[in-house]
Protein backbone atom coordinates (compact mmCIF):
# COMPACT_ATOMS: atom_id res chain seq x y z
CA UNK A 1 302.54 68.64 137.91
CA UNK A 2 299.44 66.57 137.22
CA UNK A 3 297.24 69.64 136.79
CA UNK A 4 299.71 71.06 134.28
CA UNK A 5 299.55 67.82 132.27
CA UNK A 6 295.75 67.92 132.36
CA UNK A 7 295.73 71.46 130.99
CA UNK A 8 298.27 70.52 128.31
CA UNK A 9 296.09 67.55 127.34
CA UNK A 10 293.10 69.84 126.78
CA UNK A 11 295.28 72.29 124.85
CA UNK A 12 296.34 69.50 122.49
CA UNK A 13 292.71 68.73 121.63
CA UNK A 14 292.03 72.42 121.17
CA UNK A 15 295.04 72.70 118.85
CA UNK A 16 293.73 69.77 116.81
CA UNK A 17 290.34 71.46 116.37
CA UNK A 18 291.97 74.76 115.38
CA UNK A 19 294.18 73.00 112.83
CA UNK A 20 291.20 71.06 111.49
CA UNK A 21 289.20 74.24 110.88
CA UNK A 22 292.19 76.18 109.55
CA UNK A 23 292.82 73.41 107.04
CA UNK A 24 289.67 74.46 105.16
CA UNK A 25 291.08 77.93 104.57
CA UNK A 26 294.86 77.57 104.56
CA UNK A 27 297.19 75.29 102.62
CA UNK A 28 299.38 73.36 105.06
CA UNK A 29 300.07 69.77 106.00
CA UNK A 30 297.64 67.95 108.26
CA UNK A 31 300.61 66.33 110.05
CA UNK A 32 300.42 68.91 112.83
CA UNK A 33 296.87 67.89 113.63
CA UNK A 34 297.81 64.22 113.88
CA UNK A 35 300.76 65.13 116.10
CA UNK A 36 298.42 67.05 118.41
CA UNK A 37 296.14 64.00 118.68
CA UNK A 38 299.09 61.68 119.30
CA UNK A 39 300.38 63.94 122.07
CA UNK A 40 296.91 64.16 123.65
CA UNK A 41 296.60 60.36 123.68
CA UNK A 42 300.12 59.94 125.08
CA UNK A 43 299.38 62.44 127.83
CA UNK A 44 296.15 60.60 128.69
CA UNK A 45 298.08 57.33 129.03
CA UNK A 46 300.74 58.95 131.22
CA UNK A 47 298.12 60.62 133.43
CA UNK A 48 296.21 57.36 133.72
CA UNK A 49 299.31 55.58 135.03
CA UNK A 50 300.07 58.43 137.40
CA UNK A 51 296.54 58.32 138.78
CA UNK A 52 296.66 54.54 139.13
CA UNK A 53 299.83 54.80 141.23
CA UNK A 54 298.36 57.65 143.27
CA UNK A 55 295.09 55.75 143.72
CA UNK A 56 297.01 52.86 145.28
CA UNK A 57 297.77 55.18 148.19
CA UNK A 58 294.06 55.78 148.86
CA UNK A 59 292.53 53.55 151.55
CA UNK A 60 290.40 50.70 150.25
CA UNK A 61 288.11 51.02 153.26
CA UNK A 62 284.88 52.62 152.03
CA UNK A 63 283.56 55.73 153.73
CA UNK A 64 280.02 55.23 155.00
CA UNK A 65 277.59 58.01 154.10
CA UNK A 66 273.85 58.31 153.54
CA UNK A 67 272.36 57.90 150.03
CA UNK A 68 271.93 61.17 148.08
CA UNK A 69 268.43 60.21 146.88
CA UNK A 70 265.09 58.95 148.15
CA UNK A 71 262.68 56.68 146.32
CA UNK A 72 263.28 53.94 143.76
CA UNK A 73 266.39 54.19 141.56
CA UNK A 74 268.65 52.12 139.29
CA UNK A 75 272.44 52.21 139.56
CA UNK A 76 274.59 52.61 136.43
CA UNK A 77 278.39 52.70 136.03
CA UNK A 78 278.72 51.38 139.56
CA UNK A 79 282.04 50.82 141.37
CA UNK A 80 280.46 47.65 142.78
CA UNK A 81 280.78 46.17 139.27
CA UNK A 82 284.12 47.62 138.13
CA UNK A 83 286.80 50.14 139.10
CA UNK A 84 287.29 52.67 137.64
CA UNK A 85 283.52 52.72 137.32
CA UNK A 86 283.42 55.21 134.42
CA UNK A 87 286.42 53.75 132.60
CA UNK A 88 288.82 56.50 133.74
CA UNK A 89 290.23 57.73 137.03
CA UNK A 90 290.39 61.37 135.93
CA UNK A 91 288.38 63.99 137.79
CA UNK A 92 288.08 61.81 140.89
CA UNK A 93 285.75 59.36 139.11
CA UNK A 94 287.36 56.05 140.12
CA UNK A 95 284.46 55.14 142.44
CA UNK A 96 281.73 57.38 140.97
CA UNK A 97 278.19 56.11 140.41
CA UNK A 98 275.25 57.22 138.24
CA UNK A 99 271.62 56.93 139.35
CA UNK A 100 268.42 57.09 137.28
CA UNK A 101 264.97 57.25 138.84
CA UNK A 102 262.79 54.15 138.38
CA UNK A 103 259.44 54.75 140.11
CA UNK A 104 257.18 51.72 139.88
CA UNK A 105 254.25 53.79 138.58
CA UNK A 106 256.13 55.70 135.86
CA UNK A 107 258.46 53.85 133.47
CA UNK A 108 261.65 55.61 132.41
CA UNK A 109 262.06 56.08 128.61
CA UNK A 110 264.47 53.46 127.25
CA UNK A 111 267.47 53.90 125.01
CA UNK A 112 266.65 53.29 121.34
CA UNK A 113 266.44 54.74 117.83
CA UNK A 114 263.36 56.93 118.16
CA UNK A 115 262.73 59.63 119.16
CA UNK A 116 266.28 60.98 118.81
CA UNK A 117 265.79 63.37 121.74
CA UNK A 118 263.23 63.82 124.50
CA UNK A 119 262.26 66.62 126.83
CA UNK A 120 263.47 66.32 130.39
CA UNK A 121 259.97 66.18 131.83
CA UNK A 122 259.56 62.78 130.12
CA UNK A 123 262.01 61.34 132.67
CA UNK A 124 260.81 60.68 136.24
CA UNK A 125 264.15 61.68 137.75
CA UNK A 126 264.04 65.26 136.49
CA UNK A 127 263.47 67.51 139.49
CA UNK A 128 263.86 64.74 142.08
CA UNK A 129 265.32 66.04 145.37
CA UNK A 130 268.96 65.38 146.21
CA UNK A 131 270.11 65.13 149.80
CA UNK A 132 273.31 65.82 151.73
CA UNK A 133 275.04 62.48 152.35
CA UNK A 134 276.70 63.73 155.54
CA UNK A 135 277.21 66.82 157.65
CA UNK A 136 279.49 69.23 155.83
CA UNK A 137 280.19 72.64 154.34
CA UNK A 138 279.33 73.78 150.82
CA UNK A 139 282.51 74.54 148.88
CA UNK A 140 281.16 74.95 145.35
CA UNK A 141 277.61 75.39 144.08
CA UNK A 142 276.88 76.01 140.38
CA UNK A 143 273.43 75.91 138.77
CA UNK A 144 273.56 78.41 135.88
CA UNK A 145 273.97 75.87 133.05
CA UNK A 146 270.92 74.90 131.00
CA UNK A 147 269.30 71.47 131.10
CA UNK A 148 269.64 70.18 127.54
CA UNK A 149 267.47 67.66 125.71
CA UNK A 150 268.17 63.98 126.28
CA UNK A 151 270.89 62.08 124.41
CA UNK A 152 269.47 58.61 125.12
CA UNK A 153 269.21 57.37 121.52
CA UNK A 154 271.67 56.00 118.98
CA UNK A 155 271.56 59.13 116.77
CA UNK A 156 272.00 61.46 119.75
CA UNK A 157 274.80 59.33 121.19
CA UNK A 158 277.00 60.19 118.20
CA UNK A 159 276.37 63.86 118.88
CA UNK A 160 277.20 63.31 122.57
CA UNK A 161 280.67 62.02 121.64
CA UNK A 162 281.54 65.23 119.78
CA UNK A 163 279.87 67.37 122.41
CA UNK A 164 281.89 65.60 125.09
CA UNK A 165 285.14 66.50 123.32
CA UNK A 166 284.31 70.21 123.47
CA UNK A 167 283.28 69.88 127.11
CA UNK A 168 286.57 68.09 127.89
CA UNK A 169 288.49 70.97 126.34
CA UNK A 170 286.49 73.48 128.39
CA UNK A 171 287.34 71.69 131.63
CA UNK A 172 285.65 69.61 134.33
CA UNK A 173 283.04 72.26 135.07
CA UNK A 174 281.48 71.76 131.63
CA UNK A 175 281.56 67.98 132.03
CA UNK A 176 279.75 68.11 135.37
CA UNK A 177 277.36 70.86 134.34
CA UNK A 178 275.53 72.23 137.35
CA UNK A 179 277.25 70.72 140.36
CA UNK A 180 277.73 70.81 144.08
CA UNK A 181 280.82 69.98 146.16
CA UNK A 182 280.57 69.42 149.91
CA UNK A 183 283.50 69.33 152.33
CA UNK A 184 282.77 66.40 154.66
CA UNK A 185 285.95 66.86 156.70
CA UNK A 186 289.02 64.63 157.09
CA UNK A 187 290.06 65.30 153.50
CA UNK A 188 286.83 63.92 152.00
CA UNK A 189 284.65 65.73 149.50
CA UNK A 190 281.31 64.76 147.99
CA UNK A 191 280.45 65.83 144.43
CA UNK A 192 276.99 65.87 142.81
CA UNK A 193 276.82 66.51 139.05
CA UNK A 194 274.23 67.24 136.32
CA UNK A 195 271.95 69.20 138.67
CA UNK A 196 268.83 70.98 137.49
CA UNK A 197 269.31 74.60 136.54
CA UNK A 198 268.33 76.97 139.33
CA UNK A 199 267.61 74.14 141.79
CA UNK A 200 270.37 74.71 144.35
CA UNK A 201 269.11 75.29 147.88
CA UNK A 202 272.53 76.09 149.32
CA UNK A 203 275.47 78.32 148.51
CA UNK A 204 279.22 78.29 149.26
CA UNK A 205 279.92 78.56 152.98
CA UNK A 206 276.62 77.06 154.11
CA UNK A 207 276.64 74.24 156.65
CA UNK A 208 274.46 71.27 155.74
CA UNK A 209 273.14 68.38 157.80
CA UNK A 210 272.77 64.75 156.76
CA UNK A 211 269.57 64.25 154.77
CA UNK A 212 269.05 67.96 154.10
CA UNK A 213 267.71 68.75 150.58
CA UNK A 214 270.44 70.57 148.65
CA UNK A 215 269.40 70.52 144.97
CA UNK A 216 267.42 68.64 142.31
CA UNK A 217 268.31 66.04 139.70
CA UNK A 218 268.81 67.58 136.26
CA UNK A 219 270.32 67.03 132.83
CA UNK A 220 273.16 69.54 132.51
CA UNK A 221 276.73 68.92 131.41
CA UNK A 222 277.94 65.71 129.78
CA UNK A 223 274.73 63.79 130.40
CA UNK A 224 272.57 61.45 128.33
CA UNK A 225 269.39 61.88 130.40
CA UNK A 226 268.32 63.31 133.77
CA UNK A 227 270.37 61.45 136.36
CA UNK A 228 272.58 61.89 139.40
CA UNK A 229 276.35 61.49 139.22
CA UNK A 230 277.80 61.06 142.71
CA UNK A 231 281.36 60.55 143.92
CA UNK A 232 283.64 60.96 146.92
CA UNK A 233 287.15 62.34 146.36
CA UNK A 234 290.19 63.57 148.25
CA UNK A 235 290.44 67.06 146.73
CA UNK A 236 287.83 69.67 145.70
CA UNK A 237 289.89 70.46 142.57
CA UNK A 238 288.67 67.89 140.05
CA UNK A 239 291.81 68.31 137.95
CA UNK A 240 293.87 66.53 140.62
CA UNK A 241 291.25 64.69 142.72
CA UNK A 242 291.48 60.97 143.45
CA UNK A 243 288.36 58.92 143.97
CA UNK A 244 287.47 57.58 147.43
CA UNK A 245 285.38 54.39 147.83
CA UNK A 246 282.06 54.82 149.62
CA UNK A 247 279.17 52.75 150.92
CA UNK A 248 275.63 53.92 151.56
CA UNK A 249 274.23 53.29 155.01
CA UNK A 250 271.83 50.29 155.06
CA UNK A 251 272.24 49.84 151.28
CA UNK A 252 275.90 49.33 150.49
CA UNK A 253 276.81 50.00 146.87
CA UNK A 254 274.28 48.75 144.29
CA UNK A 255 275.73 47.00 141.24
CA UNK A 256 275.16 47.97 137.60
CA UNK A 257 271.49 47.62 136.74
CA UNK A 258 270.45 46.97 140.32
CA UNK A 259 267.20 48.59 141.42
CA UNK A 260 267.15 49.86 145.00
CA UNK A 261 264.86 51.93 147.16
CA UNK A 262 265.56 54.49 149.87
CA UNK A 263 263.08 55.62 152.45
CA UNK A 264 260.20 53.52 151.11
CA UNK A 265 261.40 49.93 150.94
CA UNK A 266 264.47 47.76 151.32
CA UNK A 267 266.96 47.18 148.51
CA UNK A 268 265.51 44.94 145.77
């Protein structure tokens, strides 16, 4: 039921775009386009309430796993600061977290007006190794999508909004870009998103051990800059997945803007 509503929601946005383009060539009322938008918004509200009720049935006890990174990083959109951490519960994101590399000897480019875009090599996180957070089995491994230029500026952010709409219509795979899903057992799945193109070191069916390198940080999918999007969820199908709270061994869950280190120093 929920998956059908999710597909219908994407179809409504697609219908709106088709009507918008057709309006330049055909003479008909724009009412149909507004109706498509209204239905898409109504469906999003309904699905949000359904997910909130379903989320209440998920245990509040966090699952302890290892961190997916090593080195010095900053947490963004953290579930330690708010839930849902990314503003929505869709696609199993209720307790998701984003990480950007912050090495002490190489400052990360800041968000601003200029330059509008940057190359990925300007960011210290690009190509950083990502590790298996627990023993598990690889269910899905995708790394064919390109790493696009950064969107970490005000001009590029406007473009990101429109780009995100098209990615939403295309489905969760285009939002995550290159991604990896691990089956950790007991109905728990770990998802890594925005991986570097061609960086996967595992493939579906492989067994992985805790701390094993599995891929590299990239900038694919709906991403502003090279970073890691990590989440635990109760289903490998992101259309119906519910988020599961987690905690990282010896670190906990860093709050928004908190700088922490793994493998080199204690949390700061």
